[in-house]
Protein backbone atom coordinates (compact mmCIF):
# COMPACT_ATOMS: atom_id res chain seq x y z
CA MET A 1 -2.12 -8.37 16.46
CA ASP A 2 1.32 -9.18 14.97
CA LYS A 3 3.72 -6.57 13.91
CA ILE A 4 2.87 -5.19 10.27
CA ILE A 5 5.90 -4.94 8.32
CA ARG A 6 4.03 -3.74 4.48
CA ILE A 7 0.97 -2.44 4.17
CA GLY A 8 -0.38 -2.24 0.28
CA MET A 9 -2.83 0.66 0.02
CA ASP A 10 -5.38 1.28 -2.89
CA THR A 11 -6.84 4.73 -2.96
CA SER A 12 -9.87 6.17 -4.15
CA LYS A 13 -11.45 9.59 -3.39
CA HIS A 14 -13.28 8.87 -0.49
CA VAL A 15 -12.49 5.13 0.60
CA PHE A 16 -8.75 3.47 0.98
CA GLN A 17 -8.39 -0.14 1.05
CA LEU A 18 -5.54 -1.29 3.15
CA HIS A 19 -3.72 -4.65 3.08
CA GLY A 20 -0.95 -5.47 5.83
CA VAL A 21 0.96 -8.80 5.89
CA ASN A 22 3.32 -9.80 9.28
CA ALA A 23 6.99 -10.99 8.62
CA GLU A 24 5.33 -14.70 7.87
CA GLU A 25 3.73 -12.92 5.14
CA LYS A 26 0.23 -13.67 6.70
CA SER A 27 -2.35 -11.55 6.12
CA VAL A 28 -3.15 -9.25 9.24
CA LEU A 29 -4.85 -6.27 8.36
CA ARG A 30 -7.55 -6.08 5.71
CA GLU A 31 -9.38 -2.97 6.49
CA LYS A 32 -11.45 -0.62 4.20
CA MET A 33 -11.18 3.34 5.90
CA ARG A 34 -12.28 6.55 5.14
CA ARG A 35 -9.92 9.16 4.70
CA LYS A 36 -10.11 10.64 8.25
CA GLU A 37 -9.46 6.80 9.63
CA MET A 38 -6.97 6.31 7.64
CA ILE A 39 -4.67 9.09 8.29
CA ASP A 40 -5.59 8.56 12.39
CA PHE A 41 -4.38 4.77 11.64
CA PHE A 42 -1.18 6.16 10.04
CA THR A 43 -0.32 8.15 12.69
CA THR A 44 -0.66 5.73 15.16
CA CYS A 45 0.90 2.54 13.51
CA PRO A 46 4.50 1.96 14.19
CA PRO A 47 6.93 2.92 10.86
CA THR A 48 6.50 0.47 8.32
CA LEU A 49 6.72 -0.11 4.58
CA VAL A 50 3.73 1.52 2.48
CA ALA A 51 3.12 0.74 -0.97
CA ILE A 52 0.80 2.85 -3.11
CA GLU A 53 0.17 2.60 -7.01
CA ALA A 54 1.29 5.69 -8.70
CA TYR A 55 -2.00 7.98 -9.81
CA GLY A 56 -2.81 11.65 -9.72
CA GLY A 57 -2.59 12.07 -5.81
CA SER A 58 -0.54 9.12 -4.69
CA HIS A 59 2.72 11.62 -4.24
CA HIS A 60 0.39 13.71 -1.82
CA TRP A 61 -0.49 10.51 0.05
CA ALA A 62 3.11 9.33 -0.02
CA ARG A 63 4.52 12.68 1.32
CA LEU A 64 2.02 12.30 4.39
CA LEU A 65 2.68 9.10 5.31
CA ALA A 66 6.18 9.87 5.11
CA SER A 67 6.20 12.70 7.46
CA PHE A 68 4.57 9.88 9.79
CA GLY A 69 7.61 7.86 9.82
CA HIS A 70 6.61 5.44 7.14
CA GLU A 71 8.93 4.66 4.17
CA VAL A 72 6.56 4.84 1.03
CA LYS A 73 6.89 3.01 -2.10
CA VAL A 74 4.86 4.29 -5.25
CA ILE A 75 4.47 1.73 -7.96
CA ALA A 76 4.10 2.51 -11.39
CA PRO A 77 0.42 1.04 -12.67
CA GLN A 78 2.46 -0.68 -15.73
CA LEU A 79 3.68 -2.91 -13.03
CA ALA A 80 0.53 -3.73 -11.11
CA LYS A 81 -1.83 -4.12 -14.38
CA PRO A 82 -0.63 -7.05 -15.83
CA LEU A 83 -0.53 -8.83 -12.05
CA VAL A 84 -3.99 -8.16 -11.59
CA ASP A 85 -5.12 -9.32 -14.89
CA ARG A 86 -3.25 -12.55 -15.37
CA VAL A 87 -1.48 -13.51 -11.98
CA LEU A 88 -4.12 -12.67 -9.10
CA PRO A 89 -7.44 -12.65 -10.92
CA ALA A 90 -9.20 -13.72 -8.36
CA VAL A 91 -7.87 -11.04 -5.85
CA SER A 92 -10.19 -8.25 -5.74
CA GLY A 93 -8.51 -4.69 -5.03
CA THR A 94 -5.64 -3.21 -6.16
CA ASP A 95 -4.17 -3.31 -2.78
CA HIS A 96 -3.15 -6.69 -2.44
CA VAL A 97 -1.41 -6.54 -5.76
CA VAL A 98 0.89 -3.64 -4.84
CA LEU A 99 1.63 -5.28 -1.35
CA GLU A 100 2.99 -8.38 -3.50
CA LEU A 101 4.83 -5.84 -5.38
CA ALA A 102 6.45 -4.23 -3.01
CA GLY A 103 7.61 -7.33 -1.35
CA ARG A 104 9.63 -8.08 -4.36
CA LEU A 105 13.33 -7.35 -4.55
CA ASN A 106 15.19 -5.07 -6.63
CA LEU A 107 11.30 -3.58 -7.73
CA GLN A 108 12.03 -0.25 -9.15
CA HIS A 109 9.45 2.27 -7.87
CA CYS A 110 8.64 5.69 -8.92
CA THR A 111 10.31 8.38 -7.09
CA LYS A 112 8.82 10.24 -4.16
CA ALA A 113 7.77 13.69 -5.06
């Protein structure tokens, strides 16, 4: 498996959608995981950049993933919403959009709490 350099994560109460890319920006991870599976995955995954859209529980997940050695960016929903609606309407899931935003240069993101 190619080394994952960036993962976009779409969160919900019980199921997490993960989308990861390698250095060539090719999709190498597209998984739907339950909470326990997701935690197990990130504990064994080498440190990488993880992007999450900001919402009520995202800072909890950011702190947990950072404790595993990952760099976490929490993306403001105002940045993701226009991309979901206009630029990538054929893509289902916020995970891909958050992944795209995390890869852009000079992107401002929420601070980790």
